Amino acid sequence: MAREVLDAIYATVRKHKMTYDEFNALKAWMIGVGEDGEWPLFLDVWLEHVVEEVNTEHREGNKGAIEGPYYVPNAPEQGADGTISMREGEGGTPLTWTGAVTSTDGTALAGAKVELWHADSDGLYSQFAPGIPEWNLRGTFTTGEDGAFAIHTVQPAPYQIPTDGSCGKLIAAAGWHAWRPAHLHVKVSAPGHELLTAQLYFPGDAHNDDDIASAVKPELILDPKQESDGSASVDYGFVLDPEKG
């Protein structure tokens, strides 16, 4: 694989007849990515979606998506029907999310874990931004005997990935934008089944079609309903593939 990557780089250099000024600019940028601590950001945004695609193409159950850089394990347990940890007056439209976790043969998966985390109404994540309580908008939900769960949270906001470092310089040079559409992160697991990592999106978001991380899939876009009290509700479940023997 390393040789193929190098061969692709050589082909690009030859195709565009890279000058020494361009070569030195590339070296300086790559060093800057390391000095800024942004290699994880670079790989998560511009490479992970392809790695995820090839590693899950065999699945019969739900489609997955990238994990991204903001996952923290062991979020507080909230049971089968619970409210995610949040501040009083947390911004965003209240959202009730119901669903069930089943295997590909339709069997309900009792005791399955649905780990949820997402940004707040300012596009910020707890444990990665100052001034936000630990575990804010992070929780673990465990399905009941029928595989069902109900989660009470708020709709997150779209946000821009960091642009003050070397990744931002790449975005500016390429003429791209830095926006990610609003999304819910989940990890869904059950004994004897493959772990599902996914992101769920909302219809009508301006960046569903041009996500900087190229992670949006049609199967991952929710269909929320507006309730009379101004809140929203959505039903979306998960089908997990059994682990291969």
C-alpha atoms as a PDB file:
ATOM      1  CA  MET A   1       0.000   0.000   0.000  1.00  0.00           C
ATOM      2  CA  ALA A   2       2.826   2.426   0.818  1.00  0.00           C
ATOM      3  CA  ARG A   3       4.315   1.981  -2.664  1.00  0.00           C
ATOM      4  CA  GLU A   4       0.931   2.640  -4.295  1.00  0.00           C
ATOM      5  CA  VAL A   5       0.498   5.840  -2.298  1.00  0.00           C
ATOM      6  CA  LEU A   6       3.962   7.031  -3.322  1.00  0.00           C
ATOM      7  CA  ASP A   7       3.316   6.124  -6.958  1.00  0.00           C
ATOM      8  CA  ALA A   8       0.123   8.201  -6.882  1.00  0.00           C
ATOM      9  CA  ILE A   9       2.061  11.153  -5.462  1.00  0.00           C
ATOM     10  CA  TYR A  10       4.777  10.772  -8.125  1.00  0.00           C
ATOM     11  CA  ALA A  11       2.112  10.744 -10.835  1.00  0.00           C
ATOM     12  CA  THR A  12       0.585  13.942  -9.455  1.00  0.00           C
ATOM     13  CA  VAL A  13       3.987  15.672  -9.333  1.00  0.00           C
ATOM     14  CA  ARG A  14       4.713  14.690 -12.947  1.00  0.00           C
ATOM     15  CA  LYS A  15       1.234  15.587 -14.189  1.00  0.00           C
ATOM     16  CA  HIS A  16       1.379  19.090 -12.719  1.00  0.00           C
ATOM     17  CA  LYS A  17       5.158  19.565 -13.153  1.00  0.00           C
ATOM     18  CA  MET A  18       5.574  20.649  -9.541  1.00  0.00           C
ATOM     19  CA  THR A  19       8.106  23.444  -9.068  1.00  0.00           C
ATOM     20  CA  TYR A  20      10.552  23.701  -6.172  1.00  0.00           C
ATOM     21  CA  ASP A  21       8.571  26.641  -4.803  1.00  0.00           C
ATOM     22  CA  GLU A  22       5.478  24.415  -4.710  1.00  0.00           C
ATOM     23  CA  PHE A  23       7.473  21.526  -3.229  1.00  0.00           C
ATOM     24  CA  ASN A  24       8.848  23.729  -0.457  1.00  0.00           C
ATOM     25  CA  ALA A  25       5.376  25.128   0.248  1.00  0.00           C
ATOM     26  CA  LEU A  26       4.058  21.561   0.551  1.00  0.00           C
ATOM     27  CA  LYS A  27       6.859  20.615   2.971  1.00  0.00           C
ATOM     28  CA  ALA A  28       6.189  23.697   5.097  1.00  0.00           C
ATOM     29  CA  TRP A  29       2.458  22.927   5.154  1.00  0.00           C
ATOM     30  CA  MET A  30       2.975  19.293   6.165  1.00  0.00           C
ATOM     31  CA  ILE A  31       5.341  20.332   8.958  1.00  0.00           C
ATOM     32  CA  GLY A  32       2.746  22.899  10.024  1.00  0.00           C
ATOM     33  CA  VAL A  33       0.012  20.255  10.248  1.00  0.00           C
ATOM     34  CA  GLY A  34       2.186  18.370  12.726  1.00  0.00           C
ATOM     35  CA  GLU A  35       3.144  21.458  14.714  1.00  0.00           C
ATOM     36  CA  ASP A  36      -0.522  22.458  14.930  1.00  0.00           C
ATOM     37  CA  GLY A  37      -1.493  18.960  16.078  1.00  0.00           C
ATOM     38  CA  GLU A  38      -3.921  18.680  13.160  1.00  0.00           C
ATOM     39  CA  TRP A  39      -3.024  15.350  11.587  1.00  0.00           C
ATOM     40  CA  PRO A  40      -6.006  13.689  13.347  1.00  0.00           C
ATOM     41  CA  LEU A  41      -8.275  16.461  12.022  1.00  0.00           C
ATOM     42  CA  PHE A  42      -6.871  16.124   8.507  1.00  0.00           C
ATOM     43  CA  LEU A  43      -7.287  12.331   8.466  1.00  0.00           C
ATOM     44  CA  ASP A  44     -10.783  12.433   9.997  1.00  0.00           C
ATOM     45  CA  VAL A  45     -12.047  15.035   7.525  1.00  0.00           C
ATOM     46  CA  TRP A  46     -10.417  13.989   4.263  1.00  0.00           C
ATOM     47  CA  LEU A  47      -9.631  10.275   4.549  1.00  0.00           C
ATOM     48  CA  GLU A  48     -11.819   8.513   7.103  1.00  0.00           C
ATOM     49  CA  HIS A  49     -14.981   8.470   4.956  1.00  0.00           C
ATOM     50  CA  VAL A  50     -13.250   6.237   2.398  1.00  0.00           C
ATOM     51  CA  VAL A  51     -11.783   3.954   5.089  1.00  0.00           C
ATOM     52  CA  GLU A  52     -15.271   3.626   6.604  1.00  0.00           C
ATOM     53  CA  GLU A  53     -16.754   2.851   3.200  1.00  0.00           C
ATOM     54  CA  VAL A  54     -14.413  -0.021   2.366  1.00  0.00           C
ATOM     55  CA  ASN A  55     -14.584  -1.512   5.859  1.00  0.00           C
ATOM     56  CA  THR A  56     -18.394  -1.672   5.937  1.00  0.00           C
ATOM     57  CA  GLU A  57     -19.287  -2.401   2.311  1.00  0.00           C
ATOM     58  CA  HIS A  58     -20.163  -6.007   3.230  1.00  0.00           C
ATOM     59  CA  ARG A  59     -22.885  -5.050   5.692  1.00  0.00           C
ATOM     60  CA  GLU A  60     -26.530  -5.936   5.212  1.00  0.00           C
ATOM     61  CA  GLY A  61     -27.707  -3.768   8.121  1.00  0.00           C
ATOM     62  CA  ASN A  62     -27.490  -0.040   8.672  1.00  0.00           C
ATOM     63  CA  LYS A  63     -25.078   2.180   6.830  1.00  0.00           C
ATOM     64  CA  GLY A  64     -22.378   3.780   8.936  1.00  0.00           C
ATOM     65  CA  ALA A  65     -20.338   6.968   8.777  1.00  0.00           C
ATOM     66  CA  ILE A  66     -17.139   8.437  10.155  1.00  0.00           C
ATOM     67  CA  GLU A  67     -16.505   8.632  13.894  1.00  0.00           C
ATOM     68  CA  GLY A  68     -14.796  12.006  13.838  1.00  0.00           C
ATOM     69  CA  PRO A  69     -12.473  13.343  16.554  1.00  0.00           C
ATOM     70  CA  TYR A  70     -14.920  14.023  19.400  1.00  0.00           C
ATOM     71  CA  TYR A  71     -15.904  10.601  20.744  1.00  0.00           C
ATOM     72  CA  VAL A  72     -15.374   9.972  24.468  1.00  0.00           C
ATOM     73  CA  PRO A  73     -16.126   6.468  25.824  1.00  0.00           C
ATOM     74  CA  ASN A  74     -18.120   5.655  28.972  1.00  0.00           C
ATOM     75  CA  ALA A  75     -20.726   8.406  28.741  1.00  0.00           C
ATOM     76  CA  PRO A  76     -23.319   8.288  31.561  1.00  0.00           C
ATOM     77  CA  GLU A  77     -25.901   5.482  31.373  1.00  0.00           C
ATOM     78  CA  GLN A  78     -29.473   6.710  30.888  1.00  0.00           C
ATOM     79  CA  GLY A  79     -31.419   3.440  30.486  1.00  0.00           C
ATOM     80  CA  ALA A  80     -33.845   2.545  27.703  1.00  0.00           C
ATOM     81  CA  ASP A  81     -35.877   5.758  28.005  1.00  0.00           C
ATOM     82  CA  GLY A  82     -33.889   8.714  29.213  1.00  0.00           C
ATOM     83  CA  THR A  83     -32.674  12.253  28.739  1.00  0.00           C
ATOM     84  CA  ILE A  84     -29.140  13.017  27.683  1.00  0.00           C
ATOM     85  CA  SER A  85     -27.029  15.088  30.060  1.00  0.00           C
ATOM     86  CA  MET A  86     -27.611  18.757  29.306  1.00  0.00           C
ATOM     87  CA  ARG A  87     -27.559  22.199  30.890  1.00  0.00           C
ATOM     88  CA  GLU A  88     -30.700  23.892  32.107  1.00  0.00           C
ATOM     89  CA  GLY A  89     -32.077  25.873  29.174  1.00  0.00           C
ATOM     90  CA  GLU A  90     -29.856  24.041  26.663  1.00  0.00           C
ATOM     91  CA  GLY A  91     -30.204  25.708  23.269  1.00  0.00           C
ATOM     92  CA  GLY A  92     -31.753  23.899  20.328  1.00  0.00           C
ATOM     93  CA  THR A  93     -35.134  22.421  19.468  1.00  0.00           C
ATOM     94  CA  PRO A  94     -36.096  19.635  21.916  1.00  0.00           C
ATOM     95  CA  LEU A  95     -35.945  16.281  20.120  1.00  0.00           C
ATOM     96  CA  THR A  96     -37.470  12.945  21.123  1.00  0.00           C
ATOM     97  CA  TRP A  97     -35.872  10.074  19.258  1.00  0.00           C
ATOM     98  CA  THR A  98     -37.403   6.604  19.379  1.00  0.00           C
ATOM     99  CA  GLY A  99     -36.270   3.433  17.687  1.00  0.00           C
ATOM    100  CA  ALA A 100     -35.222  -0.158  18.136  1.00  0.00           C
ATOM    101  CA  VAL A 101     -32.082  -2.211  17.596  1.00  0.00           C
ATOM    102  CA  THR A 102     -32.467  -5.524  15.772  1.00  0.00           C
ATOM    103  CA  SER A 103     -30.279  -8.098  14.084  1.00  0.00           C
ATOM    104  CA  THR A 104     -30.430  -8.642  10.332  1.00  0.00           C
ATOM    105  CA  ASP A 105     -32.856 -11.536  10.842  1.00  0.00           C
ATOM    106  CA  GLY A 106     -35.284  -9.228  12.659  1.00  0.00           C
ATOM    107  CA  THR A 107     -34.485 -10.423  16.190  1.00  0.00           C
ATOM    108  CA  ALA A 108     -34.810  -7.665  18.770  1.00  0.00           C
ATOM    109  CA  LEU A 109     -31.502  -7.010  20.539  1.00  0.00           C
ATOM    110  CA  ALA A 110     -32.163  -6.462  24.232  1.00  0.00           C
ATOM    111  CA  GLY A 111     -29.354  -4.773  26.117  1.00  0.00           C
ATOM    112  CA  ALA A 112     -27.879  -3.169  23.010  1.00  0.00           C
ATOM    113  CA  LYS A 113     -25.953   0.037  23.656  1.00  0.00           C
ATOM    114  CA  VAL A 114     -26.685   3.290  21.821  1.00  0.00           C
ATOM    115  CA  GLU A 115     -23.943   5.801  22.607  1.00  0.00           C
ATOM    116  CA  LEU A 116     -24.931   9.310  21.564  1.00  0.00           C
ATOM    117  CA  TRP A 117     -22.903  12.513  21.433  1.00  0.00           C
ATOM    118  CA  HIS A 118     -23.336  15.737  19.519  1.00  0.00           C
ATOM    119  CA  ALA A 119     -22.511  19.422  19.353  1.00  0.00           C
ATOM    120  CA  ASP A 120     -24.520  22.093  21.137  1.00  0.00           C
ATOM    121  CA  SER A 121     -26.374  25.006  19.529  1.00  0.00           C
ATOM    122  CA  ASP A 122     -23.040  26.816  19.100  1.00  0.00           C
ATOM    123  CA  GLY A 123     -21.459  23.851  17.319  1.00  0.00           C
ATOM    124  CA  LEU A 124     -19.242  22.975  20.292  1.00  0.00           C
ATOM    125  CA  TYR A 125     -18.562  19.618  21.986  1.00  0.00           C
ATOM    126  CA  SER A 126     -18.160  19.023  25.699  1.00  0.00           C
ATOM    127  CA  GLN A 127     -14.667  17.936  26.731  1.00  0.00           C
ATOM    128  CA  PHE A 128     -13.263  19.667  23.647  1.00  0.00           C
ATOM    129  CA  ALA A 129     -14.392  23.253  24.264  1.00  0.00           C
ATOM    130  CA  PRO A 130     -13.993  25.356  27.410  1.00  0.00           C
ATOM    131  CA  GLY A 131     -16.852  26.244  29.706  1.00  0.00           C
ATOM    132  CA  ILE A 132     -19.067  23.252  28.906  1.00  0.00           C
ATOM    133  CA  PRO A 133     -19.870  20.750  31.677  1.00  0.00           C
ATOM    134  CA  GLU A 134     -18.317  17.303  31.401  1.00  0.00           C
ATOM    135  CA  TRP A 135     -20.587  14.848  29.563  1.00  0.00           C
ATOM    136  CA  ASN A 136     -22.868  17.608  28.271  1.00  0.00           C
ATOM    137  CA  LEU A 137     -24.887  16.184  25.355  1.00  0.00           C
ATOM    138  CA  ARG A 138     -23.279  12.762  25.798  1.00  0.00           C
ATOM    139  CA  GLY A 139     -25.054   9.643  26.979  1.00  0.00           C
ATOM    140  CA  THR A 140     -25.330   5.861  26.752  1.00  0.00           C
ATOM    141  CA  PHE A 141     -28.755   4.282  26.305  1.00  0.00           C
ATOM    142  CA  THR A 142     -29.462   0.551  26.745  1.00  0.00           C
ATOM    143  CA  THR A 143     -32.352  -1.055  24.904  1.00  0.00           C
ATOM    144  CA  GLY A 144     -35.158  -2.874  26.707  1.00  0.00           C
ATOM    145  CA  GLU A 145     -36.315  -6.460  26.197  1.00  0.00           C
ATOM    146  CA  ASP A 146     -37.997  -5.468  22.924  1.00  0.00           C
ATOM    147  CA  GLY A 147     -34.828  -3.789  21.653  1.00  0.00           C
ATOM    148  CA  ALA A 148     -36.490  -0.372  21.901  1.00  0.00           C
ATOM    149  CA  PHE A 149     -35.067   2.924  23.133  1.00  0.00           C
ATOM    150  CA  ALA A 150     -36.285   6.493  23.576  1.00  0.00           C
ATOM    151  CA  ILE A 151     -33.850   9.390  23.811  1.00  0.00           C
ATOM    152  CA  HIS A 152     -34.646  12.981  24.772  1.00  0.00           C
ATOM    153  CA  THR A 153     -32.122  15.525  23.541  1.00  0.00           C
ATOM    154  CA  VAL A 154     -31.941  18.705  21.445  1.00  0.00           C
ATOM    155  CA  GLN A 155     -31.180  19.193  17.776  1.00  0.00           C
ATOM    156  CA  PRO A 156     -27.541  20.184  17.216  1.00  0.00           C
ATOM    157  CA  ALA A 157     -26.329  22.991  14.984  1.00  0.00           C
ATOM    158  CA  PRO A 158     -24.105  22.944  11.894  1.00  0.00           C
ATOM    159  CA  TYR A 159     -20.546  24.047  12.548  1.00  0.00           C
ATOM    160  CA  GLN A 160     -17.250  24.775  10.857  1.00  0.00           C
ATOM    161  CA  ILE A 161     -14.212  22.622  11.469  1.00  0.00           C
ATOM    162  CA  PRO A 162     -11.241  24.587  12.877  1.00  0.00           C
ATOM    163  CA  THR A 163      -9.748  26.969  10.319  1.00  0.00           C
ATOM    164  CA  ASP A 164      -7.075  28.689  12.405  1.00  0.00           C
ATOM    165  CA  GLY A 165      -4.373  26.125  11.634  1.00  0.00           C
ATOM    166  CA  SER A 166      -2.849  24.314   8.685  1.00  0.00           C
ATOM    167  CA  CYS A 167      -6.106  22.566   7.725  1.00  0.00           C
ATOM    168  CA  GLY A 168      -7.673  26.001   7.443  1.00  0.00           C
ATOM    169  CA  LYS A 169      -4.848  27.040   5.109  1.00  0.00           C
ATOM    170  CA  LEU A 170      -5.617  24.036   2.906  1.00  0.00           C
ATOM    171  CA  ILE A 171      -9.305  24.948   2.830  1.00  0.00           C
ATOM    172  CA  ALA A 172      -8.512  28.544   1.885  1.00  0.00           C
ATOM    173  CA  ALA A 173      -6.005  27.550  -0.799  1.00  0.00           C
ATOM    174  CA  ALA A 174      -8.431  25.057  -2.344  1.00  0.00           C
ATOM    175  CA  GLY A 175     -11.369  27.461  -2.210  1.00  0.00           C
ATOM    176  CA  TRP A 176     -13.471  25.090  -0.104  1.00  0.00           C
ATOM    177  CA  HIS A 177     -15.788  25.864   2.786  1.00  0.00           C
ATOM    178  CA  ALA A 178     -15.288  24.414   6.282  1.00  0.00           C
ATOM    179  CA  TRP A 179     -18.887  23.507   7.160  1.00  0.00           C
ATOM    180  CA  ARG A 180     -20.302  20.259   8.491  1.00  0.00           C
ATOM    181  CA  PRO A 181     -24.099  19.825   8.517  1.00  0.00           C
ATOM    182  CA  ALA A 182     -25.861  19.335  11.844  1.00  0.00           C
ATOM    183  CA  HIS A 183     -25.576  15.714  12.961  1.00  0.00           C
ATOM    184  CA  LEU A 184     -25.978  13.238  15.784  1.00  0.00           C
ATOM    185  CA  HIS A 185     -23.087  10.835  16.429  1.00  0.00           C
ATOM    186  CA  VAL A 186     -23.864   7.273  17.497  1.00  0.00           C
ATOM    187  CA  LYS A 187     -22.105   4.033  18.266  1.00  0.00           C
ATOM    188  CA  VAL A 188     -24.483   1.056  18.433  1.00  0.00           C
ATOM    189  CA  SER A 189     -23.264  -2.255  19.832  1.00  0.00           C
ATOM    190  CA  ALA A 190     -24.646  -5.617  20.953  1.00  0.00           C
ATOM    191  CA  PRO A 191     -22.959  -8.918  21.882  1.00  0.00           C
ATOM    192  CA  GLY A 192     -22.193 -11.049  18.851  1.00  0.00           C
ATOM    193  CA  HIS A 193     -22.737  -8.183  16.416  1.00  0.00           C
ATOM    194  CA  GLU A 194     -20.520  -5.742  14.553  1.00  0.00           C
ATOM    195  CA  LEU A 195     -20.152  -2.292  16.070  1.00  0.00           C
ATOM    196  CA  LEU A 196     -21.982   0.362  14.074  1.00  0.00           C
ATOM    197  CA  THR A 197     -20.582   3.903  14.062  1.00  0.00           C
ATOM    198  CA  ALA A 198     -22.726   6.460  12.284  1.00  0.00           C
ATOM    199  CA  GLN A 199     -23.810  10.066  12.019  1.00  0.00           C
ATOM    200  CA  LEU A 200     -27.439  11.033  11.495  1.00  0.00           C
ATOM    201  CA  TYR A 201     -28.373  14.187   9.631  1.00  0.00           C
ATOM    202  CA  PHE A 202     -31.365  16.507   9.312  1.00  0.00           C
ATOM    203  CA  PRO A 203     -33.247  17.308   6.099  1.00  0.00           C
ATOM    204  CA  GLY A 204     -32.889  20.752   4.581  1.00  0.00           C
ATOM    205  CA  ASP A 205     -29.419  21.458   5.953  1.00  0.00           C
ATOM    206  CA  ALA A 206     -27.513  23.665   3.543  1.00  0.00           C
ATOM    207  CA  HIS A 207     -24.431  21.434   3.738  1.00  0.00           C
ATOM    208  CA  ASN A 208     -25.911  17.960   3.393  1.00  0.00           C
ATOM    209  CA  ASP A 209     -24.796  18.020  -0.246  1.00  0.00           C
ATOM    210  CA  ASP A 210     -21.333  19.515   0.252  1.00  0.00           C
ATOM    211  CA  ASP A 211     -20.184  18.328   3.676  1.00  0.00           C
ATOM    212  CA  ILE A 212     -16.470  19.106   4.074  1.00  0.00           C
ATOM    213  CA  ALA A 213     -15.998  15.582   5.499  1.00  0.00           C
ATOM    214  CA  SER A 214     -17.967  13.872   2.664  1.00  0.00           C
ATOM    215  CA  ALA A 215     -19.796  11.760   5.271  1.00  0.00           C
ATOM    216  CA  VAL A 216     -23.495  12.298   4.446  1.00  0.00           C
ATOM    217  CA  LYS A 217     -25.404   9.337   2.988  1.00  0.00           C
ATOM    218  CA  PRO A 218     -29.100   9.358   2.003  1.00  0.00           C
ATOM    219  CA  GLU A 219     -29.808   6.477   4.410  1.00  0.00           C
ATOM    220  CA  LEU A 220     -28.549   8.577   7.324  1.00  0.00           C
ATOM    221  CA  ILE A 221     -30.887  11.548   6.871  1.00  0.00           C
ATOM    222  CA  LEU A 222     -33.648  11.583   9.473  1.00  0.00           C
ATOM    223  CA  ASP A 223     -37.314  12.464   8.916  1.00  0.00           C
ATOM    224  CA  PRO A 224     -38.282  14.473  12.015  1.00  0.00           C
ATOM    225  CA  LYS A 225     -41.858  15.576  12.706  1.00  0.00           C
ATOM    226  CA  GLN A 226     -42.724  18.924  14.265  1.00  0.00           C
ATOM    227  CA  GLU A 227     -44.933  18.650  17.342  1.00  0.00           C
ATOM    228  CA  SER A 228     -47.579  21.168  18.447  1.00  0.00           C
ATOM    229  CA  ASP A 229     -45.421  22.283  21.398  1.00  0.00           C
ATOM    230  CA  GLY A 230     -42.559  23.293  19.107  1.00  0.00           C
ATOM    231  CA  SER A 231     -40.466  20.203  19.784  1.00  0.00           C
ATOM    232  CA  ALA A 232     -39.529  17.569  17.209  1.00  0.00           C
ATOM    233  CA  SER A 233     -39.788  13.787  17.174  1.00  0.00           C
ATOM    234  CA  VAL A 234     -38.184  11.174  14.998  1.00  0.00           C
ATOM    235  CA  ASP A 235     -38.277   7.393  14.708  1.00  0.00           C
ATOM    236  CA  TYR A 236     -35.074   5.761  13.481  1.00  0.00           C
ATOM    237  CA  GLY A 237     -33.751   2.339  14.418  1.00  0.00           C
ATOM    238  CA  PHE A 238     -30.694   0.234  13.721  1.00  0.00           C
ATOM    239  CA  VAL A 239     -30.101  -3.156  12.151  1.00  0.00           C
ATOM    240  CA  LEU A 240     -26.785  -4.730  13.182  1.00  0.00           C
ATOM    241  CA  ASP A 241     -24.863  -7.376  11.285  1.00  0.00           C
ATOM    242  CA  PRO A 242     -23.854 -10.498  13.215  1.00  0.00           C
ATOM    243  CA  GLU A 243     -20.119 -10.902  13.643  1.00  0.00           C
ATOM    244  CA  LYS A 244     -18.567 -13.213  11.108  1.00  0.00           C
ATOM    245  CA  GLY A 245     -17.434 -16.537  12.560  1.00  0.00           C
END
